[in-house]
Full PDB file with SEQRES, HELIX, SHEET, SSBOND, CRYST1, ORIGX, SCALE, CONECT and MASTER records, all heavy atoms in Angstrom:
SEQRES   1 A   32  LEU LYS PRO SER THR ILE ALA SER TYR ALA LYS LYS GLY          
SEQRES   2 A   32  MET LEU PRO PRO PRO ASP ALA LEU VAL GLY LEU GLY GLN          
SEQRES   3 A   32  ARG GLY THR TYR GLY TRP                                      
HELIX    1 AA1 PRO A    3  LYS A   11  1                                   9    
HELIX    2 AA2 GLY A   25  ARG A   27  5                                   3    
SHEET    1 AA1 2 ALA A  20  VAL A  22  0                                        
SHEET    2 AA1 2 THR A  29  GLY A  31 -1                                        
CRYST1    1.000    1.000    1.000  90.00  90.00  90.00 P 1           1          
ORIGX1      1.000000  0.000000  0.000000        0.00000                         
ORIGX2      0.000000  1.000000  0.000000        0.00000                         
ORIGX3      0.000000  0.000000  1.000000        0.00000                         
SCALE1      1.000000  0.000000  0.000000        0.00000                         
SCALE2      0.000000  1.000000  0.000000        0.00000                         
SCALE3      0.000000  0.000000  1.000000        0.00000                         
ATOM      1  N   LEU A   1       0.845  -1.193   0.000  1.00  0.00           N  
ATOM      2  CA  LEU A   1       0.000   0.000   0.000  1.00  0.00           C  
ATOM      3  C   LEU A   1       0.879   1.241   0.000  1.00  0.00           C  
ATOM      4  O   LEU A   1       2.068   1.182   0.297  1.00  0.00           O  
ATOM      5  CB  LEU A   1      -0.894   0.013   1.245  1.00  0.00           C  
ATOM      6  CG  LEU A   1      -1.856  -1.157   1.384  1.00  0.00           C  
ATOM      7  CD1 LEU A   1      -2.516  -1.131   2.754  1.00  0.00           C  
ATOM      8  CD2 LEU A   1      -2.907  -1.138   0.283  1.00  0.00           C  
ATOM      9  N   LYS A   2       0.272   2.369  -0.298  1.00  0.00           N  
ATOM     10  CA  LYS A   2       0.992   3.636  -0.240  1.00  0.00           C  
ATOM     11  C   LYS A   2       1.103   4.084   1.215  1.00  0.00           C  
ATOM     12  O   LYS A   2       0.179   3.864   2.003  1.00  0.00           O  
ATOM     13  CB  LYS A   2       0.251   4.707  -1.033  1.00  0.00           C  
ATOM     14  CG  LYS A   2       0.214   4.439  -2.512  1.00  0.00           C  
ATOM     15  CD  LYS A   2      -0.530   5.545  -3.221  1.00  0.00           C  
ATOM     16  CE  LYS A   2      -0.574   5.264  -4.715  1.00  0.00           C  
ATOM     17  NZ  LYS A   2      -1.296   6.321  -5.424  1.00  0.00           N  
ATOM     18  N   PRO A   3       2.209   4.729   1.575  1.00  0.00           N  
ATOM     19  CA  PRO A   3       2.323   5.256   2.943  1.00  0.00           C  
ATOM     20  C   PRO A   3       1.172   6.197   3.298  1.00  0.00           C  
ATOM     21  O   PRO A   3       0.723   6.219   4.449  1.00  0.00           O  
ATOM     22  CB  PRO A   3       3.666   5.993   2.929  1.00  0.00           C  
ATOM     23  CG  PRO A   3       4.472   5.252   1.904  1.00  0.00           C  
ATOM     24  CD  PRO A   3       3.460   4.892   0.826  1.00  0.00           C  
ATOM     25  N   SER A   4       0.664   6.928   2.328  1.00  0.00           N  
ATOM     26  CA  SER A   4      -0.458   7.835   2.610  1.00  0.00           C  
ATOM     27  C   SER A   4      -1.724   7.063   2.993  1.00  0.00           C  
ATOM     28  O   SER A   4      -2.540   7.565   3.777  1.00  0.00           O  
ATOM     29  CB  SER A   4      -0.725   8.743   1.416  1.00  0.00           C  
ATOM     30  OG  SER A   4      -1.077   7.981   0.273  1.00  0.00           O  
ATOM     31  N   THR A   5      -1.884   5.861   2.466  1.00  0.00           N  
ATOM     32  CA  THR A   5      -3.034   5.034   2.837  1.00  0.00           C  
ATOM     33  C   THR A   5      -2.920   4.617   4.293  1.00  0.00           C  
ATOM     34  O   THR A   5      -3.889   4.700   5.058  1.00  0.00           O  
ATOM     35  CB  THR A   5      -3.126   3.788   1.930  1.00  0.00           C  
ATOM     36  OG1 THR A   5      -3.281   4.209   0.584  1.00  0.00           O  
ATOM     37  CG2 THR A   5      -4.288   2.894   2.328  1.00  0.00           C  
ATOM     38  N   ILE A   6      -1.731   4.192   4.707  1.00  0.00           N  
ATOM     39  CA  ILE A   6      -1.521   3.804   6.102  1.00  0.00           C  
ATOM     40  C   ILE A   6      -1.679   5.013   7.018  1.00  0.00           C  
ATOM     41  O   ILE A   6      -2.261   4.906   8.102  1.00  0.00           O  
ATOM     42  CB  ILE A   6      -0.138   3.138   6.276  1.00  0.00           C  
ATOM     43  CG1 ILE A   6      -0.059   1.847   5.454  1.00  0.00           C  
ATOM     44  CG2 ILE A   6       0.146   2.853   7.745  1.00  0.00           C  
ATOM     45  CD1 ILE A   6      -1.083   0.790   5.796  1.00  0.00           C  
ATOM     46  N   ALA A   7      -1.209   6.172   6.582  1.00  0.00           N  
ATOM     47  CA  ALA A   7      -1.384   7.397   7.374  1.00  0.00           C  
ATOM     48  C   ALA A   7      -2.871   7.709   7.546  1.00  0.00           C  
ATOM     49  O   ALA A   7      -3.316   8.095   8.627  1.00  0.00           O  
ATOM     50  CB  ALA A   7      -0.665   8.560   6.715  1.00  0.00           C  
ATOM     51  N   SER A   8      -3.641   7.505   6.489  1.00  0.00           N  
ATOM     52  CA  SER A   8      -5.088   7.723   6.555  1.00  0.00           C  
ATOM     53  C   SER A   8      -5.741   6.733   7.519  1.00  0.00           C  
ATOM     54  O   SER A   8      -6.597   7.106   8.324  1.00  0.00           O  
ATOM     55  CB  SER A   8      -5.699   7.580   5.161  1.00  0.00           C  
ATOM     56  OG  SER A   8      -7.099   7.679   5.208  1.00  0.00           O  
ATOM     57  N   TYR A   9      -5.338   5.466   7.446  1.00  0.00           N  
ATOM     58  CA  TYR A   9      -5.857   4.460   8.379  1.00  0.00           C  
ATOM     59  C   TYR A   9      -5.539   4.860   9.818  1.00  0.00           C  
ATOM     60  O   TYR A   9      -6.383   4.738  10.702  1.00  0.00           O  
ATOM     61  CB  TYR A   9      -5.241   3.088   8.107  1.00  0.00           C  
ATOM     62  CG  TYR A   9      -5.713   2.385   6.861  1.00  0.00           C  
ATOM     63  CD1 TYR A   9      -5.092   1.213   6.455  1.00  0.00           C  
ATOM     64  CD2 TYR A   9      -6.760   2.859   6.076  1.00  0.00           C  
ATOM     65  CE1 TYR A   9      -5.500   0.531   5.311  1.00  0.00           C  
ATOM     66  CE2 TYR A   9      -7.170   2.199   4.933  1.00  0.00           C  
ATOM     67  CZ  TYR A   9      -6.537   1.033   4.558  1.00  0.00           C  
ATOM     68  OH  TYR A   9      -6.944   0.359   3.430  1.00  0.00           O  
ATOM     69  N   ALA A  10      -4.322   5.338  10.056  1.00  0.00           N  
ATOM     70  CA  ALA A  10      -3.922   5.747  11.400  1.00  0.00           C  
ATOM     71  C   ALA A  10      -4.776   6.915  11.887  1.00  0.00           C  
ATOM     72  O   ALA A  10      -5.246   6.915  13.034  1.00  0.00           O  
ATOM     73  CB  ALA A  10      -2.443   6.122  11.418  1.00  0.00           C  
ATOM     74  N   LYS A  11      -4.991   7.886  11.023  1.00  0.00           N  
ATOM     75  CA  LYS A  11      -5.789   9.064  11.384  1.00  0.00           C  
ATOM     76  C   LYS A  11      -7.217   8.672  11.741  1.00  0.00           C  
ATOM     77  O   LYS A  11      -7.830   9.251  12.628  1.00  0.00           O  
ATOM     78  CB  LYS A  11      -5.778  10.062  10.224  1.00  0.00           C  
ATOM     79  CG  LYS A  11      -6.421  11.382  10.532  1.00  0.00           C  
ATOM     80  CD  LYS A  11      -6.257  12.349   9.386  1.00  0.00           C  
ATOM     81  CE  LYS A  11      -6.861  13.696   9.741  1.00  0.00           C  
ATOM     82  NZ  LYS A  11      -6.671  14.668   8.677  1.00  0.00           N  
ATOM     83  N   LYS A  12      -7.742   7.655  11.056  1.00  0.00           N  
ATOM     84  CA  LYS A  12      -9.111   7.180  11.288  1.00  0.00           C  
ATOM     85  C   LYS A  12      -9.194   6.148  12.405  1.00  0.00           C  
ATOM     86  O   LYS A  12     -10.277   5.654  12.708  1.00  0.00           O  
ATOM     87  CB  LYS A  12      -9.664   6.574   9.999  1.00  0.00           C  
ATOM     88  CG  LYS A  12      -9.834   7.568   8.882  1.00  0.00           C  
ATOM     89  CD  LYS A  12     -10.256   6.870   7.605  1.00  0.00           C  
ATOM     90  CE  LYS A  12     -10.330   7.853   6.445  1.00  0.00           C  
ATOM     91  NZ  LYS A  12     -10.651   7.167   5.181  1.00  0.00           N  
ATOM     92  N   GLY A  13      -8.052   5.800  13.008  1.00  0.00           N  
ATOM     93  CA  GLY A  13      -8.051   4.813  14.085  1.00  0.00           C  
ATOM     94  C   GLY A  13      -8.248   3.390  13.598  1.00  0.00           C  
ATOM     95  O   GLY A  13      -8.725   2.536  14.346  1.00  0.00           O  
ATOM     96  N   MET A  14      -7.870   3.130  12.348  1.00  0.00           N  
ATOM     97  CA  MET A  14      -8.108   1.818  11.749  1.00  0.00           C  
ATOM     98  C   MET A  14      -6.924   0.849  11.898  1.00  0.00           C  
ATOM     99  O   MET A  14      -7.056  -0.316  11.556  1.00  0.00           O  
ATOM    100  CB  MET A  14      -8.447   1.988  10.266  1.00  0.00           C  
ATOM    101  CG  MET A  14      -9.745   2.725  10.032  1.00  0.00           C  
ATOM    102  SD  MET A  14     -10.036   3.177   8.294  1.00  0.00           S  
ATOM    103  CE  MET A  14     -10.015   1.593   7.488  1.00  0.00           C  
ATOM    104  N   LEU A  15      -5.791   1.311  12.403  1.00  0.00           N  
ATOM    105  CA  LEU A  15      -4.646   0.426  12.591  1.00  0.00           C  
ATOM    106  C   LEU A  15      -4.777  -0.284  13.941  1.00  0.00           C  
ATOM    107  O   LEU A  15      -5.433   0.219  14.856  1.00  0.00           O  
ATOM    108  CB  LEU A  15      -3.333   1.219  12.580  1.00  0.00           C  
ATOM    109  CG  LEU A  15      -2.897   1.806  11.251  1.00  0.00           C  
ATOM    110  CD1 LEU A  15      -1.588   2.575  11.436  1.00  0.00           C  
ATOM    111  CD2 LEU A  15      -2.727   0.735  10.197  1.00  0.00           C  
ATOM    112  N   PRO A  16      -4.130  -1.438  14.073  1.00  0.00           N  
ATOM    113  CA  PRO A  16      -4.146  -2.089  15.388  1.00  0.00           C  
ATOM    114  C   PRO A  16      -3.338  -1.261  16.380  1.00  0.00           C  
ATOM    115  O   PRO A  16      -2.508  -0.443  15.976  1.00  0.00           O  
ATOM    116  CB  PRO A  16      -3.481  -3.443  15.121  1.00  0.00           C  
ATOM    117  CG  PRO A  16      -2.602  -3.212  13.946  1.00  0.00           C  
ATOM    118  CD  PRO A  16      -3.319  -2.185  13.102  1.00  0.00           C  
ATOM    119  N   PRO A  17      -3.570  -1.463  17.664  1.00  0.00           N  
ATOM    120  CA  PRO A  17      -2.758  -0.738  18.646  1.00  0.00           C  
ATOM    121  C   PRO A  17      -1.280  -1.066  18.446  1.00  0.00           C  
ATOM    122  O   PRO A  17      -0.939  -2.214  18.150  1.00  0.00           O  
ATOM    123  CB  PRO A  17      -3.249  -1.277  19.989  1.00  0.00           C  
ATOM    124  CG  PRO A  17      -4.586  -1.879  19.710  1.00  0.00           C  
ATOM    125  CD  PRO A  17      -4.553  -2.343  18.291  1.00  0.00           C  
ATOM    126  N   PRO A  18      -0.408  -0.078  18.574  1.00  0.00           N  
ATOM    127  CA  PRO A  18       1.026  -0.340  18.401  1.00  0.00           C  
ATOM    128  C   PRO A  18       1.553  -1.228  19.521  1.00  0.00           C  
ATOM    129  O   PRO A  18       1.017  -1.246  20.629  1.00  0.00           O  
ATOM    130  CB  PRO A  18       1.662   1.048  18.440  1.00  0.00           C  
ATOM    131  CG  PRO A  18       0.680   1.904  19.132  1.00  0.00           C  
ATOM    132  CD  PRO A  18      -0.670   1.328  18.876  1.00  0.00           C  
ATOM    133  N   ASP A  19       2.609  -1.949  19.204  1.00  0.00           N  
ATOM    134  CA  ASP A  19       3.259  -2.815  20.184  1.00  0.00           C  
ATOM    135  C   ASP A  19       4.351  -2.086  20.946  1.00  0.00           C  
ATOM    136  O   ASP A  19       4.796  -2.570  21.990  1.00  0.00           O  
ATOM    137  CB  ASP A  19       3.869  -4.033  19.471  1.00  0.00           C  
ATOM    138  CG  ASP A  19       2.802  -4.904  18.840  1.00  0.00           C  
ATOM    139  OD1 ASP A  19       1.907  -5.350  19.581  1.00  0.00           O  
ATOM    140  OD2 ASP A  19       2.845  -5.120  17.615  1.00  0.00           O  
ATOM    141  N   ALA A  20       4.784  -0.940  20.430  1.00  0.00           N  
ATOM    142  CA  ALA A  20       5.874  -0.202  21.088  1.00  0.00           C  
ATOM    143  C   ALA A  20       5.790   1.276  20.743  1.00  0.00           C  
ATOM    144  O   ALA A  20       5.233   1.658  19.714  1.00  0.00           O  
ATOM    145  CB  ALA A  20       7.225  -0.748  20.630  1.00  0.00           C  
ATOM    146  N   LEU A  21       6.339   2.081  21.626  1.00  0.00           N  
ATOM    147  CA  LEU A  21       6.519   3.506  21.390  1.00  0.00           C  
ATOM    148  C   LEU A  21       7.974   3.807  21.697  1.00  0.00           C  
ATOM    149  O   LEU A  21       8.459   3.521  22.796  1.00  0.00           O  
ATOM    150  CB  LEU A  21       5.615   4.347  22.282  1.00  0.00           C  
ATOM    151  CG  LEU A  21       5.832   5.853  22.247  1.00  0.00           C  
ATOM    152  CD1 LEU A  21       5.574   6.407  20.855  1.00  0.00           C  
ATOM    153  CD2 LEU A  21       4.954   6.543  23.255  1.00  0.00           C  
ATOM    154  N   VAL A  22       8.653   4.355  20.709  1.00  0.00           N  
ATOM    155  CA  VAL A  22      10.063   4.692  20.872  1.00  0.00           C  
ATOM    156  C   VAL A  22      10.187   6.203  20.853  1.00  0.00           C  
ATOM    157  O   VAL A  22       9.715   6.857  19.928  1.00  0.00           O  
ATOM    158  CB  VAL A  22      10.916   4.077  19.736  1.00  0.00           C  
ATOM    159  CG1 VAL A  22      12.371   4.459  19.895  1.00  0.00           C  
ATOM    160  CG2 VAL A  22      10.754   2.563  19.710  1.00  0.00           C  
ATOM    161  N   GLY A  23      10.791   6.753  21.861  1.00  0.00           N  
ATOM    162  CA  GLY A  23      10.949   8.198  21.946  1.00  0.00           C  
ATOM    163  C   GLY A  23       9.843   8.829  22.767  1.00  0.00           C  
ATOM    164  O   GLY A  23       8.910   8.164  23.208  1.00  0.00           O  
ATOM    165  N   LEU A  24       9.965  10.117  22.961  1.00  0.00           N  
ATOM    166  CA  LEU A  24       9.014  10.852  23.786  1.00  0.00           C  
ATOM    167  C   LEU A  24       8.403  12.009  23.023  1.00  0.00           C  
ATOM    168  O   LEU A  24       9.011  12.552  22.101  1.00  0.00           O  
ATOM    169  CB  LEU A  24       9.722  11.396  25.031  1.00  0.00           C  
ATOM    170  CG  LEU A  24      10.345  10.350  25.966  1.00  0.00           C  
ATOM    171  CD1 LEU A  24      11.179  11.049  27.037  1.00  0.00           C  
ATOM    172  CD2 LEU A  24       9.273   9.499  26.596  1.00  0.00           C  
ATOM    173  N   GLY A  25       7.227  12.403  23.429  1.00  0.00           N  
ATOM    174  CA  GLY A  25       6.577  13.593  22.888  1.00  0.00           C  
ATOM    175  C   GLY A  25       6.346  13.540  21.389  1.00  0.00           C  
ATOM    176  O   GLY A  25       6.027  12.497  20.830  1.00  0.00           O  
ATOM    177  N   GLN A  26       6.530  14.683  20.747  1.00  0.00           N  
ATOM    178  CA  GLN A  26       6.282  14.821  19.314  1.00  0.00           C  
ATOM    179  C   GLN A  26       7.192  13.939  18.466  1.00  0.00           C  
ATOM    180  O   GLN A  26       6.885  13.608  17.343  1.00  0.00           O  
ATOM    181  CB  GLN A  26       6.457  16.281  18.889  1.00  0.00           C  
ATOM    182  CG  GLN A  26       5.451  17.222  19.495  1.00  0.00           C  
ATOM    183  CD  GLN A  26       4.070  17.043  18.902  1.00  0.00           C  
ATOM    184  OE1 GLN A  26       3.917  16.633  17.762  1.00  0.00           O  
ATOM    185  NE2 GLN A  26       3.048  17.348  19.679  1.00  0.00           N  
ATOM    186  N   ARG A  27       8.334  13.560  18.995  1.00  0.00           N  
ATOM    187  CA  ARG A  27       9.305  12.757  18.230  1.00  0.00           C  
ATOM    188  C   ARG A  27       9.137  11.259  18.452  1.00  0.00           C  
ATOM    189  O   ARG A  27       9.900  10.461  17.947  1.00  0.00           O  
ATOM    190  CB  ARG A  27      10.722  13.187  18.574  1.00  0.00           C  
ATOM    191  CG  ARG A  27      10.996  14.605  18.126  1.00  0.00           C  
ATOM    192  CD  ARG A  27      12.424  14.987  18.403  1.00  0.00           C  
ATOM    193  NE  ARG A  27      12.634  16.365  18.032  1.00  0.00           N  
ATOM    194  CZ  ARG A  27      13.329  16.743  16.972  1.00  0.00           C  
ATOM    195  NH1 ARG A  27      13.893  15.863  16.209  1.00  0.00           N  
ATOM    196  NH2 ARG A  27      13.474  18.015  16.707  1.00  0.00           N  
ATOM    197  N   GLY A  28       8.135  10.869  19.222  1.00  0.00           N  
ATOM    198  CA  GLY A  28       7.894   9.456  19.461  1.00  0.00           C  
ATOM    199  C   GLY A  28       7.428   8.758  18.188  1.00  0.00           C  
ATOM    200  O   GLY A  28       6.752   9.349  17.350  1.00  0.00           O  
ATOM    201  N   THR A  29       7.809   7.520  18.040  1.00  0.00           N  
ATOM    202  CA  THR A  29       7.436   6.733  16.874  1.00  0.00           C  
ATOM    203  C   THR A  29       6.816   5.430  17.347  1.00  0.00           C  
ATOM    204  O   THR A  29       7.354   4.758  18.227  1.00  0.00           O  
ATOM    205  CB  THR A  29       8.683   6.407  16.009  1.00  0.00           C  
ATOM    206  OG1 THR A  29       9.253   7.626  15.577  1.00  0.00           O  
ATOM    207  CG2 THR A  29       8.319   5.567  14.812  1.00  0.00           C  
ATOM    208  N   TYR A  30       5.691   5.082  16.763  1.00  0.00           N  
ATOM    209  CA  TYR A  30       5.034   3.825  17.083  1.00  0.00           C  
ATOM    210  C   TYR A  30       5.646   2.702  16.270  1.00  0.00           C  
ATOM    211  O   TYR A  30       6.126   2.915  15.165  1.00  0.00           O  
ATOM    212  CB  TYR A  30       3.536   3.901  16.777  1.00  0.00           C  
ATOM    213  CG  TYR A  30       2.792   4.854  17.688  1.00  0.00           C  
ATOM    214  CD1 TYR A  30       2.249   6.027  17.196  1.00  0.00           C  
ATOM    215  CD2 TYR A  30       2.642   4.555  19.032  1.00  0.00           C  
ATOM    216  CE1 TYR A  30       1.571   6.896  18.032  1.00  0.00           C  
ATOM    217  CE2 TYR A  30       1.963   5.427  19.878  1.00  0.00           C  
ATOM    218  CZ  TYR A  30       1.429   6.588  19.368  1.00  0.00           C  
ATOM    219  OH  TYR A  30       0.758   7.443  20.198  1.00  0.00           O  
ATOM    220  N   GLY A  31       5.592   1.501  16.827  1.00  0.00           N  
ATOM    221  CA  GLY A  31       6.096   0.335  16.123  1.00  0.00           C  
ATOM    222  C   GLY A  31       5.156  -0.848  16.312  1.00  0.00           C  
ATOM    223  O   GLY A  31       4.522  -0.990  17.360  1.00  0.00           O  
ATOM    224  N   TRP A  32       5.054  -1.662  15.286  1.00  0.00           N  
ATOM    225  CA  TRP A  32       4.206  -2.847  15.300  1.00  0.00           C  
ATOM    226  C   TRP A  32       5.049  -4.076  15.002  1.00  0.00           C  
ATOM    227  O   TRP A  32       5.924  -4.036  14.120  1.00  0.00           O  
ATOM    228  CB  TRP A  32       3.110  -2.744  14.241  1.00  0.00           C  
ATOM    229  CG  TRP A  32       2.069  -1.725  14.534  1.00  0.00           C  
ATOM    230  CD1 TRP A  32       0.854  -1.934  15.098  1.00  0.00           C  
ATOM    231  CD2 TRP A  32       2.119  -0.314  14.272  1.00  0.00           C  
ATOM    232  NE1 TRP A  32       0.158  -0.750  15.212  1.00  0.00           N  
ATOM    233  CE2 TRP A  32       0.918   0.257  14.701  1.00  0.00           C  
ATOM    234  CE3 TRP A  32       3.098   0.518  13.712  1.00  0.00           C  
ATOM    235  CZ2 TRP A  32       0.646   1.614  14.594  1.00  0.00           C  
ATOM    236  CZ3 TRP A  32       2.819   1.878  13.607  1.00  0.00           C  
ATOM    237  CH2 TRP A  32       1.606   2.412  14.044  1.00  0.00           C  
TER     238      TRP A  32                                                      
MASTER        0    0    0    2    2    0    0    6  237    1    0    3          
END                                                                             
């Protein structure tokens, strides 16, 4: 899929809950 499609899914809450969060605040990145 296109990254924009996954970004749209994330914005709509359609992705599964992430398994990890790396970093803090605005610079944090989710991981699955």
